[in-house]
N, C-alpha and C. Protein backbone atom coordinates (compact mmCIF):
# COMPACT_ATOMS: atom_id res chain seq x y z
N MET A 1 29.44 -7.54 6.98
CA MET A 1 30.74 -7.12 6.68
C MET A 1 30.63 -6.25 5.55
N ALA A 2 28.99 -6.03 5.07
CA ALA A 2 28.38 -5.08 4.20
C ALA A 2 28.86 -3.19 4.51
N ASP A 3 28.43 -2.84 5.59
CA ASP A 3 28.93 -2.22 6.47
C ASP A 3 29.77 -1.99 6.38
N SER A 4 31.33 -2.41 6.44
CA SER A 4 32.77 -2.11 6.62
C SER A 4 32.84 -1.97 5.01
N ILE A 5 32.44 -2.79 4.24
CA ILE A 5 32.90 -1.47 2.56
C ILE A 5 32.42 -0.65 2.06
N ASN A 6 31.21 -0.31 3.30
CA ASN A 6 30.60 0.35 2.88
C ASN A 6 31.33 1.79 3.63
N ARG A 7 31.60 1.40 5.02
CA ARG A 7 32.64 2.44 6.10
C ARG A 7 33.59 2.78 5.11
N ALA A 8 34.27 1.35 4.57
CA ALA A 8 35.60 1.89 3.53
C ALA A 8 35.19 2.59 2.00
N GLY A 9 34.31 2.41 1.45
CA GLY A 9 34.22 3.40 0.69
C GLY A 9 33.40 4.85 1.13
N LEU A 10 32.44 5.11 2.01
CA LEU A 10 32.82 6.10 2.33
C LEU A 10 33.95 6.94 2.67
N ASP A 11 34.57 6.68 3.17
CA ASP A 11 36.34 7.26 3.55
C ASP A 11 37.33 7.21 2.33
N GLN A 12 37.09 6.61 0.92
CA GLN A 12 37.80 7.00 -0.29
C GLN A 12 36.90 8.24 -0.42
N LEU A 13 35.47 8.54 -0.69
CA LEU A 13 34.69 9.35 -1.07
C LEU A 13 35.62 11.11 -0.41
N ASN A 14 35.17 10.62 1.03
CA ASN A 14 35.79 11.87 1.61
C ASN A 14 37.19 12.47 1.02
N ALA A 15 37.95 11.37 1.33
CA ALA A 15 39.27 11.49 0.41
C ALA A 15 39.69 13.26 -0.48
N TYR A 16 38.63 11.61 -1.25
CA TYR A 16 38.88 12.54 -2.76
C TYR A 16 37.20 13.71 -2.66
N ALA A 17 37.24 13.70 -2.25
CA ALA A 17 35.96 15.48 -1.79
C ALA A 17 37.47 15.96 -0.87
N ALA A 18 38.13 16.10 -0.10
CA ALA A 18 39.61 16.72 0.33
C ALA A 18 39.90 16.94 -0.95
N ALA A 19 40.61 16.08 -1.15
CA ALA A 19 41.56 16.63 -2.52
C ALA A 19 41.18 17.69 -3.85
N ALA A 20 39.82 17.33 -3.92
CA ALA A 20 39.02 18.57 -5.17
C ALA A 20 38.27 19.32 -4.27
N GLY A 21 38.65 19.38 -3.30
CA GLY A 21 38.07 21.42 -2.33
C GLY A 21 36.54 20.85 -2.22
N ARG A 22 36.19 19.98 -2.39
CA ARG A 22 34.00 20.10 -2.34
C ARG A 22 34.18 18.75 -0.78
N ALA A 23 34.76 19.75 0.44
CA ALA A 23 34.63 18.09 1.21
C ALA A 23 33.90 19.33 2.22
N GLY A 24 33.22 20.34 1.68
CA GLY A 24 31.94 20.66 2.58
C GLY A 24 30.75 20.45 1.79
N SER A 25 30.61 19.57 0.66
CA SER A 25 29.44 19.53 -0.05
C SER A 25 28.25 18.70 0.98
N PRO A 26 26.71 20.04 0.41
CA PRO A 26 26.10 19.48 1.63
C PRO A 26 25.86 17.90 1.46
N SER A 27 25.53 17.19 0.15
CA SER A 27 25.10 15.17 0.05
C SER A 27 26.46 14.65 1.09
N LEU A 28 27.46 15.68 0.82
CA LEU A 28 28.74 14.01 1.58
C LEU A 28 28.12 13.91 3.17
N ALA A 29 27.43 15.62 3.36
CA ALA A 29 27.30 15.53 4.79
C ALA A 29 26.63 15.20 5.54
N ALA A 30 25.43 15.15 4.58
CA ALA A 30 24.15 14.01 4.66
C ALA A 30 24.62 12.57 4.66
N LEU A 31 25.89 12.60 3.94
CA LEU A 31 25.73 11.04 3.62
C LEU A 31 26.42 10.31 4.53
N ASN A 32 27.33 11.30 5.65
CA ASN A 32 28.35 10.72 6.83
C ASN A 32 27.64 11.17 7.50
N ALA A 33 26.32 12.06 8.00
CA ALA A 33 25.47 11.64 8.85
C ALA A 33 24.97 10.43 8.81
N HIS A 34 24.67 9.60 7.41
CA HIS A 34 23.76 9.03 7.26
C HIS A 34 24.47 7.16 8.40
N TYR A 35 25.89 7.49 8.00
CA TYR A 35 26.80 6.66 8.34
C TYR A 35 27.37 7.09 9.82
N GLN A 36 26.91 8.43 10.62
CA GLN A 36 27.08 7.78 11.86
C GLN A 36 26.38 6.96 13.05
N PRO A 37 28.17 6.92 13.71
CA PRO A 37 27.63 5.64 15.08
C PRO A 37 26.16 6.19 15.57
N GLY A 38 25.68 5.32 15.70
CA GLY A 38 23.82 5.44 16.50
C GLY A 38 23.34 5.52 15.75
N ALA A 39 23.25 5.82 14.40
CA ALA A 39 22.81 6.71 12.83
C ALA A 39 21.60 5.24 12.41
N VAL A 40 19.90 5.53 12.33
CA VAL A 40 19.48 4.30 12.24
C VAL A 40 18.91 3.96 10.89
N ARG A 41 19.60 2.93 10.26
CA ARG A 41 19.33 2.53 8.56
C ARG A 41 18.87 1.32 8.60
N ALA A 42 17.97 1.31 7.41
CA ALA A 42 17.22 0.49 7.03
C ALA A 42 17.95 -0.58 6.93
N ALA A 43 17.39 -1.99 7.03
CA ALA A 43 18.27 -3.09 6.40
C ALA A 43 18.85 -3.68 4.58
N LYS A 44 17.88 -2.80 3.88
CA LYS A 44 17.95 -2.54 2.84
C LYS A 44 17.90 -1.46 2.95
N ASP A 45 19.81 -0.89 3.07
CA ASP A 45 19.40 0.71 2.89
C ASP A 45 19.55 1.62 1.34
N VAL A 46 18.01 1.15 0.78
CA VAL A 46 18.45 2.21 0.13
C VAL A 46 18.89 3.79 -0.25
N GLU A 47 18.27 4.66 0.92
CA GLU A 47 18.95 6.00 1.23
C GLU A 47 19.93 6.43 0.48
N ALA A 48 20.87 4.95 1.27
CA ALA A 48 22.37 5.27 1.24
C ALA A 48 22.65 5.63 -0.26
N VAL A 49 22.37 4.56 -1.24
CA VAL A 49 22.57 4.33 -2.81
C VAL A 49 22.21 5.88 -3.46
N TRP A 50 21.03 6.92 -3.23
CA TRP A 50 20.69 8.10 -3.05
C TRP A 50 21.81 8.67 -3.00
N LEU A 51 22.17 8.67 -1.38
CA LEU A 51 23.28 9.56 -1.04
C LEU A 51 24.71 9.17 -1.09
N VAL A 52 24.41 8.30 -2.04
CA VAL A 52 26.37 8.08 -2.30
C VAL A 52 26.09 8.99 -3.57
N ARG A 53 24.79 8.06 -4.28
CA ARG A 53 24.58 9.37 -5.89
C ARG A 53 25.00 10.92 -6.19
N ARG A 54 24.38 11.40 -5.21
CA ARG A 54 24.45 13.02 -5.20
C ARG A 54 25.57 13.83 -4.71
N ALA A 55 25.93 13.16 -3.23
CA ALA A 55 26.93 12.95 -2.90
C ALA A 55 28.70 13.06 -4.08
N THR A 56 27.74 11.80 -4.82
CA THR A 56 29.23 11.88 -6.06
C THR A 56 29.58 13.60 -7.04
N ALA A 57 28.69 13.24 -7.48
CA ALA A 57 28.13 14.29 -8.20
C ALA A 57 28.82 15.70 -7.89
N GLU A 58 27.68 16.26 -6.19
CA GLU A 58 28.57 17.29 -6.00
C GLU A 58 30.29 17.46 -5.71
N CYS A 59 30.76 16.21 -5.83
CA CYS A 59 32.70 16.04 -5.29
C CYS A 59 32.30 16.41 -6.56
N GLY A 60 32.00 16.17 -8.07
CA GLY A 60 32.56 16.57 -9.45
C GLY A 60 32.88 14.44 -10.06
N GLY A 61 32.72 13.35 -9.06
CA GLY A 61 32.39 12.42 -9.48
C GLY A 61 31.85 12.16 -10.93
N VAL A 62 31.93 10.42 -11.53
CA VAL A 62 30.70 10.23 -11.59
C VAL A 62 30.01 8.35 -11.45
N ARG A 63 29.32 8.05 -11.53
CA ARG A 63 29.22 6.46 -11.00
C ARG A 63 28.96 5.59 -12.32
N ALA A 64 30.23 4.26 -11.46
CA ALA A 64 29.47 3.22 -12.55
C ALA A 64 28.38 2.01 -11.89
N VAL A 65 27.71 1.83 -12.82
CA VAL A 65 27.22 0.68 -12.58
C VAL A 65 27.25 -0.27 -12.75
N ASN A 66 27.22 -1.73 -11.95
CA ASN A 66 27.08 -3.22 -12.39
C ASN A 66 27.34 -3.68 -11.41
N CYS A 67 27.12 -4.74 -11.60
CA CYS A 67 26.95 -6.21 -10.88
C CYS A 67 26.88 -7.39 -11.05
N LYS A 68 27.24 -8.59 -9.77
CA LYS A 68 28.13 -9.56 -10.37
C LYS A 68 28.13 -10.16 -12.21
N SER A 69 26.94 -10.03 -12.60
CA SER A 69 26.90 -10.83 -13.89
C SER A 69 27.04 -9.29 -14.88
N GLY A 70 26.06 -8.05 -14.67
CA GLY A 70 25.62 -7.41 -15.62
C GLY A 70 24.57 -7.82 -15.81
N LYS A 71 24.05 -8.49 -15.69
CA LYS A 71 22.14 -8.34 -15.95
C LYS A 71 21.21 -6.94 -15.20
N ASP A 72 20.61 -8.17 -14.74
CA ASP A 72 19.74 -7.83 -14.04
C ASP A 72 19.81 -6.64 -13.35
N ARG A 73 20.08 -6.35 -11.91
CA ARG A 73 20.60 -5.43 -11.36
C ARG A 73 21.14 -3.95 -11.25
N THR A 74 22.21 -4.52 -12.45
CA THR A 74 22.25 -3.05 -13.50
C THR A 74 21.97 -2.18 -14.11
N ALA A 75 20.41 -3.62 -14.94
CA ALA A 75 19.23 -2.69 -15.87
C ALA A 75 18.41 -2.25 -14.68
N LEU A 76 17.82 -2.90 -13.20
CA LEU A 76 16.65 -2.26 -12.50
C LEU A 76 17.70 -0.89 -11.76
N GLU A 77 18.74 -0.71 -11.62
CA GLU A 77 19.76 0.24 -11.65
C GLU A 77 19.64 0.89 -12.36
N LEU A 78 20.43 1.49 -13.15
CA LEU A 78 19.45 2.36 -13.81
C LEU A 78 18.28 2.94 -14.98
N ALA A 79 17.61 1.58 -14.23
CA ALA A 79 16.11 2.42 -14.66
C ALA A 79 15.52 3.65 -13.86
N LEU A 80 16.00 3.14 -12.40
CA LEU A 80 15.58 3.29 -11.10
C LEU A 80 16.30 4.97 -11.63
N SER A 81 17.01 4.71 -11.60
CA SER A 81 17.59 6.14 -11.67
C SER A 81 17.92 7.34 -12.78
N LEU A 82 16.99 7.14 -13.86
CA LEU A 82 17.15 7.05 -14.94
C LEU A 82 15.74 8.27 -14.56
N SER A 83 14.66 7.35 -14.24
CA SER A 83 13.40 7.46 -13.71
C SER A 83 13.29 8.15 -12.71
N GLN A 84 14.45 8.04 -12.40
CA GLN A 84 13.50 9.78 -10.31
C GLN A 84 14.64 10.55 -11.13
N GLU A 85 16.09 10.76 -11.86
CA GLU A 85 16.36 12.42 -12.48
C GLU A 85 15.33 12.39 -13.70
N VAL A 86 15.04 12.25 -14.26
CA VAL A 86 13.95 13.38 -15.16
C VAL A 86 12.79 13.46 -14.13
N GLY A 87 12.33 12.65 -13.30
CA GLY A 87 11.00 13.40 -12.13
C GLY A 87 12.39 14.60 -11.99
N ALA A 88 13.01 14.15 -11.28
CA ALA A 88 13.61 15.50 -10.13
C ALA A 88 13.58 16.63 -11.28
N ALA A 89 14.07 16.55 -12.36
CA ALA A 89 14.29 17.31 -13.23
C ALA A 89 13.33 18.35 -13.68
N GLY A 90 12.10 17.32 -13.71
CA GLY A 90 10.79 17.64 -13.63
C GLY A 90 10.59 17.89 -15.57
N MET A 91 10.58 16.70 -15.72
CA MET A 91 11.01 16.49 -17.73
C MET A 91 9.79 15.79 -18.13
N VAL A 92 9.09 15.16 -16.93
CA VAL A 92 8.16 14.02 -17.27
C VAL A 92 6.49 14.78 -16.11
N PRO A 93 5.45 14.37 -16.06
CA PRO A 93 4.72 15.05 -14.63
C PRO A 93 4.33 13.34 -13.67
N ASP A 94 4.74 13.87 -13.27
CA ASP A 94 5.21 13.19 -11.50
C ASP A 94 3.91 11.56 -11.83
N ARG A 95 2.26 12.45 -12.67
CA ARG A 95 1.96 10.64 -12.63
C ARG A 95 2.28 9.96 -14.20
N LEU A 96 3.24 10.29 -14.91
CA LEU A 96 3.90 8.93 -15.82
C LEU A 96 4.43 9.07 -15.15
N LEU A 97 5.39 9.07 -14.44
CA LEU A 97 7.31 8.22 -12.76
C LEU A 97 7.13 7.17 -13.31
N HIS A 98 5.98 6.54 -12.76
CA HIS A 98 5.31 5.24 -12.46
C HIS A 98 5.93 4.22 -13.91
N SER A 99 4.42 4.70 -14.52
CA SER A 99 4.98 4.82 -16.16
C SER A 99 6.25 4.36 -16.80
N LEU A 100 7.03 5.33 -16.84
CA LEU A 100 7.97 5.89 -17.69
C LEU A 100 9.44 4.73 -17.00
N ARG A 101 9.21 4.47 -15.10
CA ARG A 101 10.31 3.48 -14.54
C ARG A 101 9.82 1.79 -15.27
N THR A 102 8.55 1.14 -15.35
CA THR A 102 8.74 0.08 -15.77
C THR A 102 8.98 0.22 -17.14
N ALA A 103 8.44 0.91 -17.45
CA ALA A 103 8.91 1.20 -18.80
C ALA A 103 10.73 0.78 -19.25
N LEU A 104 11.43 1.43 -19.01
CA LEU A 104 12.21 1.34 -18.28
C LEU A 104 13.35 -0.52 -17.36
N GLN A 105 12.57 -0.24 -17.20
CA GLN A 105 13.25 -1.56 -16.53
C GLN A 105 13.07 -2.83 -17.25
N VAL A 106 12.10 -3.13 -18.21
CA VAL A 106 12.11 -4.19 -18.98
C VAL A 106 12.40 -3.78 -20.11
N GLY A 107 12.12 -2.45 -20.75
CA GLY A 107 13.47 -2.45 -21.71
C GLY A 107 15.16 -2.98 -21.68
N LEU A 108 15.77 -2.16 -20.67
CA LEU A 108 16.59 -2.35 -20.43
C LEU A 108 17.05 -3.23 -20.00
N SER A 109 16.28 -3.66 -18.44
CA SER A 109 16.82 -5.89 -18.14
C SER A 109 16.68 -6.55 -19.71
N TYR A 110 15.78 -6.16 -20.49
CA TYR A 110 15.47 -7.29 -21.57
C TYR A 110 16.61 -7.47 -22.47
N GLU A 111 17.37 -6.17 -22.37
CA GLU A 111 18.29 -6.39 -23.28
C GLU A 111 19.31 -6.41 -22.61
N LEU A 112 19.70 -5.77 -21.50
CA LEU A 112 20.93 -6.06 -21.10
C LEU A 112 21.38 -7.41 -21.28
N THR A 113 20.56 -8.20 -20.37
CA THR A 113 20.46 -9.69 -19.81
C THR A 113 20.37 -10.44 -20.60
N SER A 114 19.70 -10.21 -22.08
CA SER A 114 20.18 -10.69 -23.61
C SER A 114 21.31 -10.71 -24.06
N TRP A 115 22.14 -9.47 -23.42
CA TRP A 115 23.82 -9.26 -24.66
C TRP A 115 24.14 -10.04 -24.02
N ASN A 116 24.40 -9.84 -22.39
CA ASN A 116 25.30 -10.78 -22.06
C ASN A 116 25.61 -12.12 -20.98
N SER A 117 24.81 -12.53 -22.33
CA SER A 117 24.18 -13.76 -21.29
C SER A 117 24.15 -14.57 -23.02
N GLY A 118 23.90 -14.43 -24.21
CA GLY A 118 23.05 -14.96 -25.70
C GLY A 118 21.68 -15.59 -25.48
N GLN A 119 21.74 -15.19 -24.35
CA GLN A 119 19.80 -15.87 -24.09
C GLN A 119 19.04 -15.18 -23.90
N PRO A 120 17.71 -15.70 -24.29
CA PRO A 120 16.28 -15.03 -25.07
C PRO A 120 15.92 -14.12 -24.11
N SER A 121 15.73 -12.91 -23.97
CA SER A 121 15.07 -11.70 -23.04
C SER A 121 14.78 -12.21 -22.54
N SER A 122 14.83 -11.78 -20.84
CA SER A 122 14.08 -12.21 -20.03
C SER A 122 14.71 -11.37 -18.00
N TYR A 123 14.07 -11.32 -17.56
CA TYR A 123 15.10 -11.26 -15.71
C TYR A 123 15.44 -12.19 -15.36
N ALA A 124 16.63 -12.53 -15.26
CA ALA A 124 17.26 -13.43 -14.33
C ALA A 124 17.03 -13.31 -12.84
N PHE A 125 16.23 -12.87 -12.36
CA PHE A 125 16.20 -12.82 -10.79
C PHE A 125 15.00 -14.78 -10.41
N GLU A 126 15.52 -14.79 -9.39
CA GLU A 126 14.36 -15.73 -9.15
C GLU A 126 13.42 -15.53 -7.72
N LEU A 127 12.01 -16.55 -7.97
CA LEU A 127 11.65 -16.15 -6.99
C LEU A 127 11.61 -14.84 -5.82
N LEU A 128 13.02 -16.16 -4.78
CA LEU A 128 13.56 -15.66 -3.87
C LEU A 128 13.90 -14.21 -4.20
N GLU A 129 15.08 -13.75 -5.06
CA GLU A 129 15.53 -12.98 -5.11
C GLU A 129 14.56 -11.21 -5.11
N LEU A 130 13.23 -11.75 -6.31
CA LEU A 130 12.23 -10.96 -6.24
C LEU A 130 12.09 -10.15 -4.93
N ALA A 131 11.80 -11.83 -4.11
CA ALA A 131 11.50 -11.10 -2.39
C ALA A 131 11.89 -10.37 -2.03
N CYS A 132 13.32 -10.87 -2.08
CA CYS A 132 13.98 -9.95 -0.96
C CYS A 132 14.32 -8.43 -1.63
N LEU A 133 14.00 -7.94 -3.08
CA LEU A 133 14.57 -6.70 -3.23
C LEU A 133 13.67 -5.78 -2.08
N PRO A 134 14.55 -4.66 -2.66
CA PRO A 134 13.26 -3.12 -1.84
C PRO A 134 11.86 -3.23 -2.36
N SER A 135 10.73 -2.61 -1.87
CA SER A 135 10.00 -2.00 -2.60
C SER A 135 10.07 -1.06 -3.31
N GLY A 136 9.95 -1.79 -4.55
CA GLY A 136 9.36 -0.68 -5.54
C GLY A 136 10.56 -1.82 -6.87
N TRP A 137 11.60 -1.83 -6.26
CA TRP A 137 12.70 -2.36 -6.79
C TRP A 137 13.04 -3.48 -8.12
N ALA A 138 11.39 -4.61 -8.06
CA ALA A 138 11.37 -5.83 -7.72
C ALA A 138 10.32 -6.11 -9.14
N PRO A 139 11.18 -6.40 -10.67
CA PRO A 139 9.62 -5.87 -11.82
C PRO A 139 9.02 -7.10 -11.17
N SER A 140 8.02 -7.42 -11.87
CA SER A 140 6.99 -8.65 -12.29
C SER A 140 7.82 -9.65 -12.14
N TRP A 141 7.24 -10.58 -11.61
CA TRP A 141 7.63 -12.22 -11.53
C TRP A 141 7.60 -12.37 -12.97
N ARG A 142 6.31 -11.81 -13.67
CA ARG A 142 5.73 -12.85 -14.80
C ARG A 142 7.12 -12.26 -16.16
N TYR A 143 7.91 -11.13 -16.37
CA TYR A 143 8.56 -11.44 -16.44
C TYR A 143 9.92 -11.81 -17.33
N CYS A 144 10.13 -12.84 -15.26
CA CYS A 144 11.34 -13.42 -14.87
C CYS A 144 11.53 -14.95 -15.75
N GLY A 145 12.69 -15.15 -15.83
CA GLY A 145 13.03 -16.79 -16.06
C GLY A 145 14.47 -16.88 -15.68
N LYS A 146 14.77 -17.89 -15.32
CA LYS A 146 16.40 -18.43 -15.25
C LYS A 146 17.38 -18.44 -16.11
N VAL A 147 18.33 -17.30 -16.17
CA VAL A 147 19.08 -16.93 -16.84
C VAL A 147 21.17 -17.21 -16.90
N GLN A 148 21.78 -18.35 -17.23
CA GLN A 148 22.90 -18.88 -15.99
C GLN A 148 23.91 -17.20 -17.17
N SER A 149 24.73 -17.30 -15.80
CA SER A 149 25.97 -16.16 -15.73
C SER A 149 26.58 -16.31 -17.09
């Protein structure tokens, strides 16, 4: 089902790019190649997230990030993307990027969880959810607590 949804989104992005006269975008070509029949993709296709982000920007679009409850996954994606963009722009030395990402993850998720749920700040992930996140995306389990949506 996720693959069908992703392909429908890709079709829509290609249509937007064509309407904007940017169908030849290099990142859009890379994204289309990523979803070609027979292409090998990881079960947790994190690469697609980065490809979609770059293709959308090249086509003149902006992205919106949200998750079902507007808590952890939103903050996690924002923290990862911000630290990646800061690193790519050379604003922070590579040796400090991990520290920046960690600080952003803790700060953003704690605040978003508290604002959106009215509960004390904590990550809303359960241990099983943490184990299923792609490498590098999971916060420390010590920061997690169950927060109801």
